[in-house]
Amino acid sequence: MCGFVAAFGKYYSNEILIHTDIIKHRGPDDIKYLFDDYFGCGFVRLSIIDVEGGSQPISNENGLIYLVCNGEIYNYKALSIDLKKKGHIFKTKSDVEVILHLYEECGAKCIDRLEGMYAFILYDFSQEKILAGRDHIGIKPLFYQIKKNNIFFASELKVYNKKIYNKKALVEKKIFGFPLDTSSTIYKNVKQVNPGSILVIDSKFRIKEYAAEYPANNKSLEECLLSAVETHLMNADVDVGVALSGGLDSSLIAVLCKEIRPDIKTFVIADREDSEDVYYANLLAKKYGFDHTELILNKPFNVPNLNYYLDYILNEDGSGAFENIGDLAIFLFYREVSKYVKVIISGDGGDELFGGYWMHQKPLGFKDKLKSRSSALDDYLDKLFPEDDEGAGRAHVSRILFNIALPNYHLWTLDRCSMRFGVEARVPYLDLQVVNNVLKKSMSERLGKKLLQGLYEKYLPQEIINRKKKGFVDAIK
């Protein structure tokens, strides 16, 4: 896990140096640069896999293709075995090097074979072109700005200057909390690479977008989840922990981690020792013997932490992007847990994928709640939810929450909060195999987390299963 900036076209090396310094919090372990006539990049590294040898930018065998990648490729071991059989020579034990050799084999279609969370820039010197790829859900962000003489990429919005507000995106953000286009931001002149796609850009800045095609699998959901937890847990050469709130999603992930790594570390955050999250997390920790840590915030934490938090967020996009106090809880969690581990396994994405929110159950009620904010929104929302039918409404809500809210808000929040403190957050519920398995099912089958009920009953104590659903905001209520 890391961060980068990159320019394709005419650029100033000082621009790369300044913008790399802005995101140095994402990679406290190492910093490297590459400067060529038409390509320059800066890379900051959080060392997780191949700690000693996995520096970036990294090149292929003949030095004509270079790569910077933020994230992890979970199926890299299987891919590297196959690529070595075809004669490719690997310089490192790093997971991301497989991208270079896959590109040599199949060009832009290399993204079809990648399983993980990633955002990468690949520069092909011989063909004078750039590839910009992003994972299937959009777990890792990748922004770009098209200028007169270059295209500038970055892992965070804050590096961009002279941003122009996108009025449509701002209206959508006011209503939903995020823009409804996964290729846009709240700025007209800063875009995102769509989740599950790769941009191919030539020397004349002509852009072609290629959408990834992911193979289906025939495994059971339990097999997919166990496999996902194993790859997320074991592909690390540093200590790994689990975020444990005592809710269903985090509890199931923690227990599955325990099946694979008996000495797993778990962490819960709260502003008091008698909070519900502390109670239920301790209940599970005692039952399964987790190496458990309570992160109890020292009061008064509100003034200095809120000032620091708000300054960081407002400098990110200038819009007060975090409007939910739960986001502050996430921010504080990663600040505290960074004192113990470099990698956290998180239960994020479970509600969106398995239909766990009240909006999935009552989509028309969700529409009415949005309308109550302003009568001026009626026409807008009627277009977004064209049918007054619960079934059709669920499909619309599911699409918005999973395909748009996840990458444009929840995962972006997770990335900023975790990487601000040099912690890699991994999300096994959004593993490619798990997602493919679940999305084959109908919305009625997924609704209310029905698909997970059997696993809850198998792995969790009844007291956890019966617990009333609460948001992360309650941790610092």
Protein backbone atom coordinates (compact mmCIF):
# COMPACT_ATOMS: atom_id res chain seq x y z
CA MET A 1 0.00 0.00 0.00
CA CYS A 2 1.40 3.32 -1.01
CA GLY A 3 0.70 6.50 -2.94
CA PHE A 4 1.94 8.12 -6.11
CA VAL A 5 1.79 11.06 -8.45
CA ALA A 6 2.63 10.77 -12.15
CA ALA A 7 2.75 13.08 -15.18
CA PHE A 8 2.57 12.06 -18.83
CA GLY A 9 3.59 14.71 -21.36
CA LYS A 10 5.49 17.92 -20.70
CA TYR A 11 6.00 18.51 -16.99
CA TYR A 12 8.32 20.09 -14.44
CA SER A 13 10.27 17.80 -12.13
CA ASN A 14 9.74 20.24 -9.28
CA GLU A 15 5.98 19.69 -9.66
CA ILE A 16 6.50 15.96 -9.08
CA LEU A 17 8.67 16.62 -6.03
CA ILE A 18 6.18 19.04 -4.44
CA HIS A 19 3.11 16.86 -5.02
CA THR A 20 4.87 13.70 -3.83
CA ASP A 21 5.69 15.49 -0.58
CA ILE A 22 1.98 16.31 -0.12
CA ILE A 23 1.08 12.59 0.01
CA LYS A 24 4.13 11.38 1.96
CA HIS A 25 1.89 10.25 4.86
CA ARG A 26 0.68 7.38 2.63
CA GLY A 27 4.15 5.82 2.49
CA PRO A 28 6.38 6.57 5.48
CA ASP A 29 8.88 3.77 4.69
CA ASP A 30 10.41 4.87 1.38
CA ILE A 31 10.26 7.50 -1.36
CA LYS A 32 11.46 7.16 -4.96
CA TYR A 33 11.24 9.15 -8.21
CA LEU A 34 11.52 8.54 -11.93
CA PHE A 35 12.12 11.34 -14.43
CA ASP A 36 12.03 10.84 -18.21
CA ASP A 37 11.42 13.31 -21.04
CA TYR A 38 7.66 12.57 -21.23
CA PHE A 39 7.00 10.69 -18.01
CA GLY A 40 7.72 11.49 -14.40
CA CYS A 41 6.49 10.02 -11.14
CA GLY A 42 6.97 10.09 -7.39
CA PHE A 43 6.19 7.13 -5.16
CA VAL A 44 5.88 6.84 -1.38
CA ARG A 45 5.87 3.34 0.07
CA LEU A 46 4.23 1.58 3.00
CA SER A 47 6.20 -1.68 3.02
CA ILE A 48 3.89 -4.71 3.39
CA ILE A 49 5.14 -7.43 0.98
CA ASP A 50 8.83 -7.95 0.13
CA VAL A 51 9.78 -5.28 2.64
CA GLU A 52 13.43 -5.17 1.60
CA GLY A 53 13.17 -5.58 -2.16
CA GLY A 54 9.81 -4.23 -3.29
CA SER A 55 10.66 -0.58 -4.01
CA GLN A 56 8.88 1.29 -6.80
CA PRO A 57 8.89 2.48 -9.56
CA ILE A 58 9.67 -0.99 -10.85
CA SER A 59 10.60 -1.98 -14.42
CA ASN A 60 10.38 -5.08 -16.58
CA GLU A 61 13.41 -7.11 -17.72
CA ASN A 62 14.60 -4.70 -20.43
CA GLY A 63 13.77 -1.47 -18.59
CA LEU A 64 11.28 -0.28 -21.23
CA ILE A 65 8.14 -0.59 -19.09
CA TYR A 66 7.77 1.05 -15.68
CA LEU A 67 5.08 0.70 -13.05
CA VAL A 68 3.85 2.38 -9.88
CA CYS A 69 1.02 0.67 -8.01
CA ASN A 70 -0.90 1.49 -4.85
CA GLY A 71 -2.49 -1.60 -3.30
CA GLU A 72 -2.12 -5.36 -3.25
CA ILE A 73 -2.52 -8.13 -5.82
CA TYR A 74 -3.84 -11.08 -3.83
CA ASN A 75 -3.44 -13.74 -6.52
CA TYR A 76 0.12 -12.71 -7.40
CA LYS A 77 1.72 -16.01 -6.34
CA ALA A 78 -0.34 -18.07 -8.79
CA LEU A 79 0.18 -15.49 -11.53
CA SER A 80 3.94 -15.35 -11.01
CA ILE A 81 4.25 -19.15 -11.27
CA ASP A 82 2.42 -19.08 -14.60
CA LEU A 83 4.46 -16.14 -15.89
CA LYS A 84 7.78 -17.71 -14.89
CA LYS A 85 6.83 -20.82 -16.87
CA LYS A 86 6.47 -18.52 -19.89
CA GLY A 87 10.00 -17.21 -19.42
CA HIS A 88 9.45 -13.98 -17.53
CA ILE A 89 12.21 -13.01 -15.12
CA PHE A 90 11.18 -11.43 -11.81
CA LYS A 91 13.45 -8.94 -10.05
CA THR A 92 11.58 -8.94 -6.75
CA LYS A 93 9.17 -10.90 -4.57
CA SER A 94 6.73 -8.00 -4.72
CA ASP A 95 3.11 -8.73 -5.60
CA VAL A 96 2.76 -5.83 -8.06
CA GLU A 97 5.55 -6.96 -10.40
CA VAL A 98 3.11 -9.43 -11.97
CA ILE A 99 1.30 -6.46 -13.58
CA LEU A 100 4.36 -5.66 -15.70
CA HIS A 101 4.70 -9.19 -17.03
CA LEU A 102 0.96 -9.66 -17.55
CA TYR A 103 1.01 -6.48 -19.64
CA GLU A 104 3.80 -7.96 -21.76
CA GLU A 105 1.63 -11.02 -22.31
CA CYS A 106 -1.80 -9.49 -22.98
CA GLY A 107 -1.67 -5.68 -22.96
CA ALA A 108 -4.61 -3.88 -21.41
CA LYS A 109 -6.40 -7.18 -20.82
CA CYS A 110 -3.93 -7.76 -17.97
CA ILE A 111 -6.57 -6.27 -15.66
CA ASP A 112 -8.85 -9.26 -16.36
CA ARG A 113 -6.54 -11.54 -14.39
CA LEU A 114 -5.84 -9.34 -11.38
CA GLU A 115 -7.53 -10.00 -8.05
CA GLY A 116 -6.92 -7.42 -5.37
CA MET A 117 -7.26 -3.77 -4.49
CA TYR A 118 -5.11 -1.54 -6.63
CA ALA A 119 -4.59 1.61 -8.63
CA PHE A 120 -1.64 1.65 -11.01
CA ILE A 121 0.12 3.63 -13.70
CA LEU A 122 2.15 1.72 -16.28
CA TYR A 123 4.38 3.58 -18.74
CA ASP A 124 5.51 1.85 -21.93
CA PHE A 125 8.57 3.76 -23.20
CA SER A 126 8.73 1.95 -26.55
CA GLN A 127 5.10 2.74 -27.47
CA GLU A 128 4.91 6.08 -25.64
CA LYS A 129 1.68 5.25 -23.89
CA ILE A 130 0.25 5.11 -20.40
CA LEU A 131 -2.09 2.57 -18.81
CA ALA A 132 -4.07 3.66 -15.75
CA GLY A 133 -5.91 0.79 -14.04
CA ARG A 134 -8.20 0.53 -11.02
CA ASP A 135 -9.61 -2.49 -9.16
CA HIS A 136 -13.06 -3.99 -9.69
CA ILE A 137 -14.86 -2.13 -6.87
CA GLY A 138 -12.77 1.03 -6.66
CA ILE A 139 -11.22 0.18 -3.30
CA LYS A 140 -8.18 2.26 -4.19
CA PRO A 141 -8.61 5.77 -5.64
CA LEU A 142 -7.03 7.04 -8.85
CA PHE A 143 -7.54 10.65 -9.95
CA TYR A 144 -6.36 12.44 -13.07
CA GLN A 145 -6.42 15.90 -14.57
CA ILE A 146 -6.08 16.61 -18.27
CA LYS A 147 -4.09 19.78 -18.93
CA LYS A 148 -2.92 21.41 -22.12
CA ASN A 149 0.47 19.71 -22.16
CA ASN A 150 0.09 16.70 -19.88
CA ILE A 151 -2.12 14.37 -17.87
CA PHE A 152 -1.44 14.35 -14.16
CA PHE A 153 -2.38 11.35 -11.97
CA ALA A 154 -2.52 11.13 -8.19
CA SER A 155 -3.68 8.97 -5.29
CA GLU A 156 -5.32 11.92 -3.54
CA LEU A 157 -7.31 14.96 -4.64
CA LYS A 158 -5.39 17.40 -2.49
CA VAL A 159 -2.42 17.53 -4.87
CA TYR A 160 -4.38 19.37 -7.56
CA ASN A 161 -4.34 23.14 -7.97
CA LYS A 162 -6.80 25.47 -9.71
CA LYS A 163 -9.77 23.16 -9.27
CA ILE A 164 -13.14 24.23 -10.71
CA TYR A 165 -16.29 23.09 -8.93
CA ASN A 166 -18.69 20.73 -10.69
CA LYS A 167 -22.16 22.11 -9.83
CA LYS A 168 -24.02 18.91 -10.72
CA ALA A 169 -21.71 16.81 -8.55
CA LEU A 170 -22.08 19.28 -5.68
CA VAL A 171 -25.89 19.00 -5.84
CA GLU A 172 -25.62 15.20 -5.80
CA LYS A 173 -23.21 15.40 -2.89
CA LYS A 174 -25.67 17.58 -0.99
CA ILE A 175 -28.45 15.03 -1.52
CA PHE A 176 -26.59 11.72 -1.22
CA GLY A 177 -23.20 12.59 0.27
CA PHE A 178 -21.33 11.72 -2.95
CA PRO A 179 -21.42 12.36 -6.74
CA LEU A 180 -23.44 9.82 -8.73
CA ASP A 181 -20.83 9.40 -11.47
CA THR A 182 -17.89 7.16 -10.59
CA SER A 183 -15.72 8.88 -13.20
CA SER A 184 -16.25 12.36 -11.78
CA THR A 185 -15.37 14.29 -8.63
CA ILE A 186 -16.79 17.53 -7.24
CA TYR A 187 -14.40 19.29 -9.62
CA LYS A 188 -14.99 19.66 -13.36
CA ASN A 189 -11.30 19.39 -14.18
CA VAL A 190 -10.39 16.39 -12.00
CA LYS A 191 -11.68 12.94 -12.96
CA GLN A 192 -11.46 9.41 -11.57
CA VAL A 193 -10.62 6.19 -13.36
CA ASN A 194 -13.79 4.09 -13.22
CA PRO A 195 -13.71 1.01 -10.97
CA GLY A 196 -12.86 -2.16 -12.89
CA SER A 197 -11.44 -0.35 -15.87
CA ILE A 198 -8.17 0.64 -17.47
CA LEU A 199 -7.41 3.78 -19.49
CA VAL A 200 -4.99 3.52 -22.40
CA ILE A 201 -3.54 6.93 -23.28
CA ASP A 202 -1.25 7.60 -26.23
CA SER A 203 1.24 10.43 -26.79
CA LYS A 204 -1.49 12.63 -28.30
CA PHE A 205 -3.56 12.20 -25.12
CA ARG A 206 -6.21 10.13 -26.87
CA ILE A 207 -7.93 7.99 -24.26
CA LYS A 208 -9.49 4.56 -24.69
CA GLU A 209 -11.27 2.90 -21.78
CA TYR A 210 -11.28 -0.86 -21.40
CA ALA A 211 -13.69 -2.51 -18.94
CA ALA A 212 -12.40 -5.58 -17.16
CA GLU A 213 -14.04 -8.97 -17.63
CA TYR A 214 -13.93 -11.13 -14.53
CA PRO A 215 -14.43 -14.91 -14.63
CA ALA A 216 -17.19 -16.46 -12.53
CA ASN A 217 -16.49 -19.17 -9.98
CA ASN A 218 -18.46 -22.18 -8.75
CA LYS A 219 -17.38 -22.09 -5.11
CA SER A 220 -19.81 -21.76 -2.23
CA LEU A 221 -20.03 -18.43 -0.44
CA GLU A 222 -18.30 -19.90 2.61
CA GLU A 223 -15.43 -21.19 0.45
CA CYS A 224 -15.10 -17.77 -1.20
CA LEU A 225 -15.07 -15.93 2.12
CA LEU A 226 -12.54 -18.28 3.70
CA SER A 227 -10.31 -17.96 0.64
CA ALA A 228 -10.66 -14.17 0.69
CA VAL A 229 -9.82 -13.94 4.38
CA GLU A 230 -6.80 -16.19 3.89
CA THR A 231 -5.34 -14.14 1.02
CA HIS A 232 -6.04 -10.84 2.79
CA LEU A 233 -4.51 -12.16 6.01
CA MET A 234 -1.48 -14.09 4.80
CA ASN A 235 -0.21 -11.84 1.97
CA ALA A 236 1.77 -9.61 4.32
CA ASP A 237 5.28 -9.65 5.77
CA VAL A 238 4.21 -7.44 8.70
CA ASP A 239 1.76 -7.71 11.63
CA VAL A 240 -1.94 -7.80 10.69
CA GLY A 241 -4.94 -6.96 12.88
CA VAL A 242 -8.74 -6.99 12.62
CA ALA A 243 -11.13 -4.08 13.27
CA LEU A 244 -13.70 -5.60 15.65
CA SER A 245 -16.79 -3.60 16.63
CA GLY A 246 -18.75 -6.57 17.92
CA GLY A 247 -21.23 -6.28 15.04
CA LEU A 248 -22.09 -9.12 12.67
CA ASP A 249 -19.78 -8.26 9.79
CA SER A 250 -16.62 -7.55 11.76
CA SER A 251 -17.27 -10.47 14.13
CA LEU A 252 -17.60 -12.98 11.30
CA ILE A 253 -14.41 -11.72 9.67
CA ALA A 254 -12.54 -11.91 12.99
CA VAL A 255 -13.63 -15.51 13.63
CA LEU A 256 -12.69 -16.58 10.10
CA CYS A 257 -9.28 -14.93 10.59
CA LYS A 258 -8.87 -16.91 13.81
CA GLU A 259 -9.47 -20.11 11.82
CA ILE A 260 -6.42 -19.28 9.71
CA ARG A 261 -4.17 -17.40 12.13
CA PRO A 262 -4.73 -18.42 15.79
CA ASP A 263 -2.71 -15.48 17.16
CA ILE A 264 -4.79 -12.84 15.34
CA LYS A 265 -4.87 -9.38 16.91
CA THR A 266 -8.22 -7.56 17.21
CA PHE A 267 -8.97 -3.93 18.03
CA VAL A 268 -12.07 -2.04 19.18
CA ILE A 269 -12.38 1.74 19.62
CA ALA A 270 -14.68 3.65 21.96
CA ASP A 271 -14.74 6.80 24.05
CA ARG A 272 -15.63 4.86 27.20
CA GLU A 273 -15.03 1.39 28.60
CA ASP A 274 -18.73 0.62 29.12
CA SER A 275 -19.73 1.16 25.45
CA GLU A 276 -21.68 -1.53 23.59
CA ASP A 277 -18.89 -2.06 21.07
CA VAL A 278 -16.40 -2.78 23.86
CA TYR A 279 -18.82 -5.20 25.53
CA TYR A 280 -19.59 -7.26 22.43
CA ALA A 281 -16.01 -7.19 21.10
CA ASN A 282 -14.77 -8.46 24.47
CA LEU A 283 -17.46 -11.14 24.51
CA LEU A 284 -16.22 -12.49 21.19
CA ALA A 285 -12.55 -12.02 22.09
CA LYS A 286 -12.91 -14.07 25.27
CA LYS A 287 -14.87 -16.84 23.53
CA TYR A 288 -12.29 -17.26 20.76
CA GLY A 289 -9.11 -16.18 22.55
CA PHE A 290 -8.22 -13.18 20.36
CA ASP A 291 -5.17 -11.07 21.19
CA HIS A 292 -7.53 -8.18 21.87
CA THR A 293 -6.84 -4.47 22.46
CA GLU A 294 -9.31 -1.78 23.56
CA LEU A 295 -8.57 1.64 22.09
CA ILE A 296 -10.27 3.90 24.62
CA LEU A 297 -10.04 7.54 23.61
CA ASN A 298 -8.83 9.89 26.31
CA LYS A 299 -11.23 12.74 26.94
CA PRO A 300 -11.32 15.55 26.16
CA PHE A 301 -10.31 14.45 22.65
CA ASN A 302 -12.83 16.58 20.81
CA VAL A 303 -11.13 19.98 20.31
CA PRO A 304 -7.59 19.09 19.18
CA ASN A 305 -8.70 16.03 17.25
CA LEU A 306 -11.63 17.73 15.55
CA ASN A 307 -9.43 20.67 14.50
CA TYR A 308 -6.81 18.30 13.10
CA TYR A 309 -9.46 16.17 11.42
CA LEU A 310 -11.29 19.10 9.85
CA ASP A 311 -8.07 20.69 8.64
CA TYR A 312 -7.04 17.42 6.96
CA ILE A 313 -10.41 16.87 5.32
CA LEU A 314 -10.96 20.45 4.19
CA ASN A 315 -7.50 20.46 2.64
CA GLU A 316 -8.45 17.25 0.82
CA ASP A 317 -11.22 18.60 -1.36
CA GLY A 318 -12.28 21.97 -0.01
CA SER A 319 -15.89 20.92 0.44
CA GLY A 320 -16.08 19.56 3.96
CA ALA A 321 -16.23 16.07 2.46
CA PHE A 322 -16.82 14.22 5.72
CA GLU A 323 -20.27 15.14 6.97
CA ASN A 324 -20.91 12.03 9.07
CA ILE A 325 -19.56 11.83 12.62
CA GLY A 326 -18.98 8.13 11.97
CA ASP A 327 -16.19 9.15 9.61
CA LEU A 328 -14.46 10.83 12.53
CA ALA A 329 -14.65 7.51 14.41
CA ILE A 330 -12.91 5.81 11.47
CA PHE A 331 -10.28 8.55 11.39
CA LEU A 332 -9.58 8.17 15.12
CA PHE A 333 -9.56 4.36 14.92
CA TYR A 334 -6.77 4.36 12.35
CA ARG A 335 -4.85 7.00 14.25
CA GLU A 336 -4.86 4.75 17.33
CA VAL A 337 -4.37 1.37 15.64
CA SER A 338 -1.36 2.68 13.68
CA LYS A 339 0.57 2.40 16.96
CA TYR A 340 0.22 -1.40 16.80
CA VAL A 341 -0.02 -2.75 13.21
CA LYS A 342 0.47 -1.77 9.57
CA VAL A 343 -2.43 -3.81 8.15
CA ILE A 344 -6.07 -3.98 9.30
CA ILE A 345 -8.70 -6.43 8.05
CA SER A 346 -12.03 -4.61 7.97
CA GLY A 347 -15.67 -5.63 7.55
CA ASP A 348 -16.46 -2.73 5.21
CA GLY A 349 -18.69 -3.50 2.22
CA GLY A 350 -20.80 -6.19 3.89
CA ASP A 351 -23.96 -4.10 4.13
CA GLU A 352 -23.72 -2.82 0.56
CA LEU A 353 -23.07 -6.26 -0.93
CA PHE A 354 -25.51 -8.29 1.18
CA GLY A 355 -28.41 -5.79 1.38
CA GLY A 356 -27.97 -4.89 5.03
CA TYR A 357 -29.19 -1.29 5.16
CA TRP A 358 -32.75 -0.18 5.93
CA MET A 359 -32.80 1.52 2.50
CA HIS A 360 -32.61 -1.91 0.87
CA GLN A 361 -35.76 -2.94 2.74
CA LYS A 362 -37.68 0.33 2.23
CA PRO A 363 -36.38 1.98 -0.95
CA LEU A 364 -39.44 4.18 -1.44
CA GLY A 365 -39.12 5.38 2.13
CA PHE A 366 -35.52 6.28 1.29
CA LYS A 367 -36.75 8.24 -1.72
CA ASP A 368 -39.31 10.09 0.43
CA LYS A 369 -36.67 10.91 3.04
CA LEU A 370 -34.46 12.45 0.36
CA LYS A 371 -37.41 14.42 -1.01
CA SER A 372 -38.16 15.80 2.45
CA ARG A 373 -34.87 17.68 2.37
CA SER A 374 -36.16 19.98 -0.35
CA SER A 375 -39.16 20.07 -2.70
CA ALA A 376 -36.77 21.22 -5.41
CA LEU A 377 -35.40 17.66 -5.50
CA ASP A 378 -38.69 16.02 -6.54
CA ASP A 379 -38.07 15.93 -10.29
CA TYR A 380 -34.47 14.91 -9.81
CA LEU A 381 -35.36 11.97 -7.58
CA ASP A 382 -38.30 10.89 -9.75
CA LYS A 383 -35.83 10.44 -12.60
CA LEU A 384 -33.47 8.51 -10.36
CA PHE A 385 -36.30 6.32 -8.97
CA PRO A 386 -38.71 6.22 -11.94
CA GLU A 387 -41.03 3.51 -10.60
CA ASP A 388 -43.10 3.60 -7.41
CA ASP A 389 -42.47 -0.09 -6.94
CA GLU A 390 -40.58 -1.68 -4.06
CA GLY A 391 -38.88 -4.31 -6.23
CA ALA A 392 -37.62 -1.82 -8.81
CA GLY A 393 -36.73 0.57 -6.00
CA ARG A 394 -34.53 -2.04 -4.34
CA ALA A 395 -32.63 -2.52 -7.59
CA HIS A 396 -32.04 1.24 -7.84
CA VAL A 397 -30.96 1.53 -4.20
CA SER A 398 -28.69 -1.50 -4.48
CA ARG A 399 -27.02 -0.06 -7.57
CA ILE A 400 -26.49 3.33 -5.92
CA LEU A 401 -25.14 1.92 -2.66
CA PHE A 402 -22.89 -0.77 -4.15
CA ASN A 403 -21.74 0.66 -7.48
CA ILE A 404 -21.55 4.33 -6.52
CA ALA A 405 -21.62 5.00 -2.77
CA LEU A 406 -18.91 2.42 -2.08
CA PRO A 407 -16.19 3.87 -4.36
CA ASN A 408 -17.32 7.50 -4.22
CA TYR A 409 -17.77 7.73 -0.47
CA HIS A 410 -17.24 4.77 1.87
CA LEU A 411 -14.06 3.32 0.36
CA TRP A 412 -12.66 6.77 -0.33
CA THR A 413 -13.24 7.61 3.34
CA LEU A 414 -11.57 4.38 4.40
CA ASP A 415 -8.58 5.04 2.17
CA ARG A 416 -8.04 8.59 3.41
CA CYS A 417 -8.45 7.72 7.09
CA SER A 418 -6.24 4.63 7.06
CA MET A 419 -3.53 5.97 4.77
CA ARG A 420 -3.31 9.24 6.68
CA PHE A 421 -1.65 7.19 9.42
CA GLY A 422 0.23 4.71 7.22
CA VAL A 423 -2.14 1.77 7.73
CA GLU A 424 -3.35 -0.53 4.95
CA ALA A 425 -7.07 -1.38 5.27
CA ARG A 426 -8.13 -4.63 3.56
CA VAL A 427 -11.75 -5.54 2.85
CA PRO A 428 -12.36 -9.29 2.26
CA TYR A 429 -16.14 -8.88 1.78
CA LEU A 430 -15.22 -7.05 -1.45
CA ASP A 431 -12.86 -9.73 -2.69
CA LEU A 432 -13.47 -10.43 -6.37
CA GLN A 433 -14.52 -14.05 -5.81
CA VAL A 434 -16.94 -13.11 -3.03
CA VAL A 435 -18.49 -10.31 -5.08
CA ASN A 436 -18.90 -12.53 -8.14
CA ASN A 437 -20.55 -15.22 -6.02
CA VAL A 438 -23.02 -12.84 -4.39
CA LEU A 439 -23.97 -10.79 -7.45
CA LYS A 440 -25.14 -13.96 -9.21
CA LYS A 441 -27.96 -14.06 -6.66
CA SER A 442 -31.19 -12.07 -6.94
CA MET A 443 -31.80 -9.01 -4.78
CA SER A 444 -34.52 -10.86 -2.87
CA GLU A 445 -32.00 -13.60 -1.98
CA ARG A 446 -29.45 -11.03 -0.77
CA LEU A 447 -31.87 -8.76 1.07
CA GLY A 448 -31.30 -8.44 4.81
CA LYS A 449 -28.05 -10.44 4.64
CA LYS A 450 -29.96 -13.70 4.13
CA LEU A 451 -26.94 -15.20 2.39
CA LEU A 452 -24.86 -14.79 5.55
CA GLN A 453 -27.37 -16.15 8.06
CA GLY A 454 -26.02 -19.69 7.88
CA LEU A 455 -22.48 -18.47 8.50
CA TYR A 456 -23.60 -16.32 11.43
CA GLU A 457 -25.27 -19.36 13.00
CA LYS A 458 -22.21 -21.54 12.37
CA TYR A 459 -19.50 -19.19 13.64
CA LEU A 460 -21.01 -16.59 16.01
CA PRO A 461 -22.57 -16.76 19.50
CA GLN A 462 -26.28 -15.99 19.68
CA GLU A 463 -25.72 -12.82 21.69
CA ILE A 464 -23.78 -11.31 18.77
CA ILE A 465 -26.42 -12.45 16.26
CA ASN A 466 -29.22 -10.89 18.34
CA ARG A 467 -27.44 -7.57 18.81
CA LYS A 468 -29.33 -4.59 17.41
CA LYS A 469 -27.58 -3.05 14.41
CA LYS A 470 -25.62 0.13 15.16
CA GLY A 471 -23.39 2.37 13.12
CA PHE A 472 -19.72 3.04 13.78
CA VAL A 473 -20.73 6.51 15.00
CA ASP A 474 -21.76 4.95 18.32
CA ALA A 475 -18.13 4.19 19.10
CA ILE A 476 -17.51 7.88 19.94
CA LYS A 477 -21.05 8.95 20.72
